[in-house]
Amino acid sequence: MTPVQIETYVDAAAAALGLRLRPNHRAGVVRYFALAAEFAAVVEAVPLEPHDEPAVNFSPVAPREKEQ
């Protein structure tokens, strides 16, 4: 998405949800949405085959400390 598309989307989504964005918050919301759009583009770039299925359960684990 282009910066103009992101700003337009954020404004339209806020209006549709009845949210009033304060002027001093709008820039942060737009920045966060742009970041989320970048993440979505990375996920969408992964090709999926018909036999691919979602994981049944995701269990996060704590990162391991580097061994010295």
PDB file of N, CA and C in Angstrom:
ATOM      1  N   MET A   1       0.841  -1.180   0.000  1.00  0.00           N
ATOM      2  CA  MET A   1       0.000   0.000   0.000  1.00  0.00           C
ATOM      3  C   MET A   1       0.885   1.243   0.000  1.00  0.00           C
ATOM      4  N   THR A   2       0.428   2.247  -0.691  1.00  0.00           N
ATOM      5  CA  THR A   2       1.167   3.509  -0.706  1.00  0.00           C
ATOM      6  C   THR A   2       0.828   4.291   0.560  1.00  0.00           C
ATOM      7  N   PRO A   3       1.655   5.265   0.919  1.00  0.00           N
ATOM      8  CA  PRO A   3       1.338   6.089   2.086  1.00  0.00           C
ATOM      9  C   PRO A   3      -0.036   6.765   1.993  1.00  0.00           C
ATOM     10  N   VAL A   4      -0.401   7.200   0.817  1.00  0.00           N
ATOM     11  CA  VAL A   4      -1.716   7.846   0.648  1.00  0.00           C
ATOM     12  C   VAL A   4      -2.835   6.824   0.863  1.00  0.00           C
ATOM     13  N   GLN A   5      -2.660   5.608   0.334  1.00  0.00           N
ATOM     14  CA  GLN A   5      -3.665   4.565   0.535  1.00  0.00           C
ATOM     15  C   GLN A   5      -3.803   4.209   2.011  1.00  0.00           C
ATOM     16  N   ILE A   6      -2.697   4.157   2.714  1.00  0.00           N
ATOM     17  CA  ILE A   6      -2.726   3.837   4.140  1.00  0.00           C
ATOM     18  C   ILE A   6      -3.469   4.914   4.912  1.00  0.00           C
ATOM     19  N   GLU A   7      -3.157   6.171   4.658  1.00  0.00           N
ATOM     20  CA  GLU A   7      -3.843   7.262   5.353  1.00  0.00           C
ATOM     21  C   GLU A   7      -5.331   7.257   5.042  1.00  0.00           C
ATOM     22  N   THR A   8      -5.675   7.019   3.780  1.00  0.00           N
ATOM     23  CA  THR A   8      -7.075   6.979   3.384  1.00  0.00           C
ATOM     24  C   THR A   8      -7.793   5.835   4.086  1.00  0.00           C
ATOM     25  N   TYR A   9      -7.151   4.671   4.141  1.00  0.00           N
ATOM     26  CA  TYR A   9      -7.755   3.522   4.798  1.00  0.00           C
ATOM     27  C   TYR A   9      -7.955   3.779   6.289  1.00  0.00           C
ATOM     28  N   VAL A  10      -6.939   4.296   6.956  1.00  0.00           N
ATOM     29  CA  VAL A  10      -7.041   4.571   8.391  1.00  0.00           C
ATOM     30  C   VAL A  10      -8.188   5.546   8.659  1.00  0.00           C
ATOM     31  N   ASP A  11      -8.288   6.599   7.874  1.00  0.00           N
ATOM     32  CA  ASP A  11      -9.368   7.568   8.062  1.00  0.00           C
ATOM     33  C   ASP A  11     -10.741   6.940   7.813  1.00  0.00           C
ATOM     34  N   ALA A  12     -10.849   6.121   6.750  1.00  0.00           N
ATOM     35  CA  ALA A  12     -12.131   5.487   6.424  1.00  0.00           C
ATOM     36  C   ALA A  12     -12.516   4.453   7.484  1.00  0.00           C
ATOM     37  N   ALA A  13     -11.548   3.668   7.941  1.00  0.00           N
ATOM     38  CA  ALA A  13     -11.833   2.652   8.956  1.00  0.00           C
ATOM     39  C   ALA A  13     -12.253   3.310  10.268  1.00  0.00           C
ATOM     40  N   ALA A  14     -11.572   4.367  10.654  1.00  0.00           N
ATOM     41  CA  ALA A  14     -11.939   5.078  11.881  1.00  0.00           C
ATOM     42  C   ALA A  14     -13.350   5.642  11.766  1.00  0.00           C
ATOM     43  N   ALA A  15     -13.684   6.219  10.637  1.00  0.00           N
ATOM     44  CA  ALA A  15     -15.024   6.765  10.426  1.00  0.00           C
ATOM     45  C   ALA A  15     -16.075   5.660  10.460  1.00  0.00           C
ATOM     46  N   ALA A  16     -15.779   4.538   9.801  1.00  0.00           N
ATOM     47  CA  ALA A  16     -16.739   3.428   9.760  1.00  0.00           C
ATOM     48  C   ALA A  16     -16.990   2.847  11.149  1.00  0.00           C
ATOM     49  N   LEU A  17     -15.977   2.877  11.995  1.00  0.00           N
ATOM     50  CA  LEU A  17     -16.103   2.342  13.354  1.00  0.00           C
ATOM     51  C   LEU A  17     -16.569   3.392  14.363  1.00  0.00           C
ATOM     52  N   GLY A  18     -16.710   4.615  13.896  1.00  0.00           N
ATOM     53  CA  GLY A  18     -17.126   5.692  14.795  1.00  0.00           C
ATOM     54  C   GLY A  18     -16.044   6.114  15.769  1.00  0.00           C
ATOM     55  N   LEU A  19     -14.798   5.927  15.364  1.00  0.00           N
ATOM     56  CA  LEU A  19     -13.667   6.323  16.210  1.00  0.00           C
ATOM     57  C   LEU A  19     -13.171   7.694  15.805  1.00  0.00           C
ATOM     58  N   ARG A  20     -12.968   8.526  16.781  1.00  0.00           N
ATOM     59  CA  ARG A  20     -12.382   9.834  16.487  1.00  0.00           C
ATOM     60  C   ARG A  20     -10.911   9.786  16.864  1.00  0.00           C
ATOM     61  N   LEU A  21     -10.055   9.878  15.853  1.00  0.00           N
ATOM     62  CA  LEU A  21      -8.617   9.894  16.120  1.00  0.00           C
ATOM     63  C   LEU A  21      -8.184  11.306  16.461  1.00  0.00           C
ATOM     64  N   ARG A  22      -7.539  11.447  17.577  1.00  0.00           N
ATOM     65  CA  ARG A  22      -6.989  12.756  17.928  1.00  0.00           C
ATOM     66  C   ARG A  22      -5.862  13.074  16.961  1.00  0.00           C
ATOM     67  N   PRO A  23      -5.721  14.324  16.593  1.00  0.00           N
ATOM     68  CA  PRO A  23      -4.654  14.690  15.644  1.00  0.00           C
ATOM     69  C   PRO A  23      -3.264  14.240  16.106  1.00  0.00           C
ATOM     70  N   ASN A  24      -3.003  14.290  17.399  1.00  0.00           N
ATOM     71  CA  ASN A  24      -1.680  13.890  17.885  1.00  0.00           C
ATOM     72  C   ASN A  24      -1.522  12.364  17.952  1.00  0.00           C
ATOM     73  N   HIS A  25      -2.595  11.596  17.771  1.00  0.00           N
ATOM     74  CA  HIS A  25      -2.525  10.137  17.745  1.00  0.00           C
ATOM     75  C   HIS A  25      -2.530   9.592  16.324  1.00  0.00           C
ATOM     76  N   ARG A  26      -3.073  10.355  15.385  1.00  0.00           N
ATOM     77  CA  ARG A  26      -3.255   9.870  14.015  1.00  0.00           C
ATOM     78  C   ARG A  26      -1.947   9.418  13.379  1.00  0.00           C
ATOM     79  N   ALA A  27      -0.890  10.168  13.542  1.00  0.00           N
ATOM     80  CA  ALA A  27       0.401   9.806  12.927  1.00  0.00           C
ATOM     81  C   ALA A  27       0.885   8.445  13.428  1.00  0.00           C
ATOM     82  N   GLY A  28       0.716   8.173  14.708  1.00  0.00           N
ATOM     83  CA  GLY A  28       1.122   6.886  15.264  1.00  0.00           C
ATOM     84  C   GLY A  28       0.272   5.745  14.738  1.00  0.00           C
ATOM     85  N   VAL A  29      -1.022   5.986  14.601  1.00  0.00           N
ATOM     86  CA  VAL A  29      -1.919   4.954  14.062  1.00  0.00           C
ATOM     87  C   VAL A  29      -1.546   4.646  12.617  1.00  0.00           C
ATOM     88  N   VAL A  30      -1.291   5.678  11.838  1.00  0.00           N
ATOM     89  CA  VAL A  30      -0.899   5.489  10.436  1.00  0.00           C
ATOM     90  C   VAL A  30       0.430   4.737  10.361  1.00  0.00           C
ATOM     91  N   ARG A  31       1.383   5.093  11.209  1.00  0.00           N
ATOM     92  CA  ARG A  31       2.680   4.423  11.229  1.00  0.00           C
ATOM     93  C   ARG A  31       2.523   2.938  11.588  1.00  0.00           C
ATOM     94  N   TYR A  32       1.703   2.645  12.598  1.00  0.00           N
ATOM     95  CA  TYR A  32       1.490   1.262  13.007  1.00  0.00           C
ATOM     96  C   TYR A  32       0.803   0.473  11.898  1.00  0.00           C
ATOM     97  N   PHE A  33      -0.201   1.069  11.250  1.00  0.00           N
ATOM     98  CA  PHE A  33      -0.897   0.372  10.173  1.00  0.00           C
ATOM     99  C   PHE A  33       0.059   0.090   9.016  1.00  0.00           C
ATOM    100  N   ALA A  34       0.951   1.022   8.718  1.00  0.00           N
ATOM    101  CA  ALA A  34       1.937   0.801   7.657  1.00  0.00           C
ATOM    102  C   ALA A  34       2.836  -0.378   8.017  1.00  0.00           C
ATOM    103  N   LEU A  35       3.233  -0.487   9.272  1.00  0.00           N
ATOM    104  CA  LEU A  35       4.049  -1.610   9.723  1.00  0.00           C
ATOM    105  C   LEU A  35       3.272  -2.919   9.590  1.00  0.00           C
ATOM    106  N   ALA A  36       2.004  -2.914  10.002  1.00  0.00           N
ATOM    107  CA  ALA A  36       1.175  -4.107   9.883  1.00  0.00           C
ATOM    108  C   ALA A  36       0.996  -4.498   8.420  1.00  0.00           C
ATOM    109  N   ALA A  37       0.872  -3.524   7.537  1.00  0.00           N
ATOM    110  CA  ALA A  37       0.737  -3.805   6.103  1.00  0.00           C
ATOM    111  C   ALA A  37       2.013  -4.442   5.560  1.00  0.00           C
ATOM    112  N   GLU A  38       3.173  -4.019   6.054  1.00  0.00           N
ATOM    113  CA  GLU A  38       4.437  -4.641   5.637  1.00  0.00           C
ATOM    114  C   GLU A  38       4.497  -6.092   6.096  1.00  0.00           C
ATOM    115  N   PHE A  39       4.073  -6.369   7.332  1.00  0.00           N
ATOM    116  CA  PHE A  39       4.041  -7.744   7.828  1.00  0.00           C
ATOM    117  C   PHE A  39       3.100  -8.593   6.980  1.00  0.00           C
ATOM    118  N   ALA A  40       1.944  -8.044   6.661  1.00  0.00           N
ATOM    119  CA  ALA A  40       0.969  -8.785   5.848  1.00  0.00           C
ATOM    120  C   ALA A  40       1.539  -9.109   4.475  1.00  0.00           C
ATOM    121  N   ALA A  41       2.276  -8.187   3.896  1.00  0.00           N
ATOM    122  CA  ALA A  41       2.874  -8.422   2.577  1.00  0.00           C
ATOM    123  C   ALA A  41       3.881  -9.573   2.636  1.00  0.00           C
ATOM    124  N   VAL A  42       4.628  -9.668   3.731  1.00  0.00           N
ATOM    125  CA  VAL A  42       5.591 -10.770   3.889  1.00  0.00           C
ATOM    126  C   VAL A  42       4.852 -12.099   3.979  1.00  0.00           C
ATOM    127  N   VAL A  43       3.787 -12.137   4.765  1.00  0.00           N
ATOM    128  CA  VAL A  43       3.012 -13.371   4.916  1.00  0.00           C
ATOM    129  C   VAL A  43       2.354 -13.758   3.593  1.00  0.00           C
ATOM    130  N   GLU A  44       1.788 -12.782   2.907  1.00  0.00           N
ATOM    131  CA  GLU A  44       1.111 -13.063   1.642  1.00  0.00           C
ATOM    132  C   GLU A  44       2.081 -13.504   0.544  1.00  0.00           C
ATOM    133  N   ALA A  45       3.356 -13.208   0.699  1.00  0.00           N
ATOM    134  CA  ALA A  45       4.348 -13.566  -0.312  1.00  0.00           C
ATOM    135  C   ALA A  45       4.716 -15.056  -0.270  1.00  0.00           C
ATOM    136  N   VAL A  46       4.320 -15.744   0.797  1.00  0.00           N
ATOM    137  CA  VAL A  46       4.643 -17.166   0.916  1.00  0.00           C
ATOM    138  C   VAL A  46       3.624 -17.959   0.097  1.00  0.00           C
ATOM    139  N   PRO A  47       4.110 -18.690  -0.901  1.00  0.00           N
ATOM    140  CA  PRO A  47       3.169 -19.460  -1.716  1.00  0.00           C
ATOM    141  C   PRO A  47       2.609 -20.653  -0.932  1.00  0.00           C
ATOM    142  N   LEU A  48       1.321 -20.886  -1.074  1.00  0.00           N
ATOM    143  CA  LEU A  48       0.679 -22.026  -0.424  1.00  0.00           C
ATOM    144  C   LEU A  48       0.151 -22.976  -1.483  1.00  0.00           C
ATOM    145  N   GLU A  49       0.245 -24.237  -1.191  1.00  0.00           N
ATOM    146  CA  GLU A  49      -0.256 -25.276  -2.081  1.00  0.00           C
ATOM    147  C   GLU A  49      -1.584 -25.782  -1.526  1.00  0.00           C
ATOM    148  N   PRO A  50      -2.394 -26.435  -2.353  1.00  0.00           N
ATOM    149  CA  PRO A  50      -3.675 -26.952  -1.872  1.00  0.00           C
ATOM    150  C   PRO A  50      -3.552 -27.888  -0.664  1.00  0.00           C
ATOM    151  N   HIS A  51      -2.428 -28.594  -0.550  1.00  0.00           N
ATOM    152  CA  HIS A  51      -2.275 -29.532   0.567  1.00  0.00           C
ATOM    153  C   HIS A  51      -1.774 -28.868   1.853  1.00  0.00           C
ATOM    154  N   ASP A  52      -1.397 -27.598   1.813  1.00  0.00           N
ATOM    155  CA  ASP A  52      -0.941 -26.896   3.010  1.00  0.00           C
ATOM    156  C   ASP A  52      -2.120 -26.647   3.937  1.00  0.00           C
ATOM    157  N   GLU A  53      -1.900 -26.899   5.228  1.00  0.00           N
ATOM    158  CA  GLU A  53      -2.948 -26.694   6.219  1.00  0.00           C
ATOM    159  C   GLU A  53      -2.397 -25.860   7.357  1.00  0.00           C
ATOM    160  N   PRO A  54      -3.268 -25.123   8.054  1.00  0.00           N
ATOM    161  CA  PRO A  54      -2.800 -24.346   9.194  1.00  0.00           C
ATOM    162  C   PRO A  54      -2.392 -25.269  10.350  1.00  0.00           C
ATOM    163  N   ALA A  55      -1.538 -24.761  11.192  1.00  0.00           N
ATOM    164  CA  ALA A  55      -1.126 -25.526  12.363  1.00  0.00           C
ATOM    165  C   ALA A  55      -2.317 -25.684  13.304  1.00  0.00           C
ATOM    166  N   VAL A  56      -2.362 -26.820  13.990  1.00  0.00           N
ATOM    167  CA  VAL A  56      -3.446 -27.073  14.925  1.00  0.00           C
ATOM    168  C   VAL A  56      -3.294 -26.184  16.156  1.00  0.00           C
ATOM    169  N   ASN A  57      -2.054 -26.012  16.596  1.00  0.00           N
ATOM    170  CA  ASN A  57      -1.807 -25.272  17.818  1.00  0.00           C
ATOM    171  C   ASN A  57      -0.444 -24.583  17.711  1.00  0.00           C
ATOM    172  N   PHE A  58      -0.397 -23.332  18.130  1.00  0.00           N
ATOM    173  CA  PHE A  58       0.874 -22.615  18.182  1.00  0.00           C
ATOM    174  C   PHE A  58       1.249 -22.448  19.638  1.00  0.00           C
ATOM    175  N   SER A  59       2.409 -22.953  20.015  1.00  0.00           N
ATOM    176  CA  SER A  59       2.889 -22.832  21.389  1.00  0.00           C
ATOM    177  C   SER A  59       4.226 -22.098  21.374  1.00  0.00           C
ATOM    178  N   PRO A  60       4.226 -20.822  21.709  1.00  0.00           N
ATOM    179  CA  PRO A  60       5.492 -20.078  21.695  1.00  0.00           C
ATOM    180  C   PRO A  60       6.409 -20.568  22.830  1.00  0.00           C
ATOM    181  N   VAL A  61       7.680 -20.464  22.586  1.00  0.00           N
ATOM    182  CA  VAL A  61       8.664 -20.836  23.595  1.00  0.00           C
ATOM    183  C   VAL A  61       9.603 -19.647  23.801  1.00  0.00           C
ATOM    184  N   ALA A  62      10.190 -19.616  24.964  1.00  0.00           N
ATOM    185  CA  ALA A  62      11.125 -18.533  25.271  1.00  0.00           C
ATOM    186  C   ALA A  62      12.396 -18.726  24.450  1.00  0.00           C
ATOM    187  N   PRO A  63      12.994 -17.628  23.984  1.00  0.00           N
ATOM    188  CA  PRO A  63      14.234 -17.765  23.222  1.00  0.00           C
ATOM    189  C   PRO A  63      15.351 -18.298  24.106  1.00  0.00           C
ATOM    190  N   ARG A  64      16.216 -19.090  23.519  1.00  0.00           N
ATOM    191  CA  ARG A  64      17.344 -19.627  24.252  1.00  0.00           C
ATOM    192  C   ARG A  64      18.453 -18.598  24.299  1.00  0.00           C
ATOM    193  N   GLU A  65      19.189 -18.625  25.381  1.00  0.00           N
ATOM    194  CA  GLU A  65      20.349 -17.739  25.469  1.00  0.00           C
ATOM    195  C   GLU A  65      21.479 -18.355  24.664  1.00  0.00           C
ATOM    196  N   LYS A  66      22.301 -17.498  24.084  1.00  0.00           N
ATOM    197  CA  LYS A  66      23.412 -17.980  23.281  1.00  0.00           C
ATOM    198  C   LYS A  66      24.423 -18.708  24.156  1.00  0.00           C
ATOM    199  N   GLU A  67      24.869 -19.858  23.641  1.00  0.00           N
ATOM    200  CA  GLU A  67      25.903 -20.606  24.352  1.00  0.00           C
ATOM    201  C   GLU A  67      27.259 -19.997  24.015  1.00  0.00           C
ATOM    202  N   GLN A  68      28.122 -19.969  24.997  1.00  0.00           N
ATOM    203  CA  GLN A  68      29.432 -19.370  24.774  1.00  0.00           C
ATOM    204  C   GLN A  68      30.478 -20.425  24.589  1.00  0.00           C
TER     205      GLN A  68
END
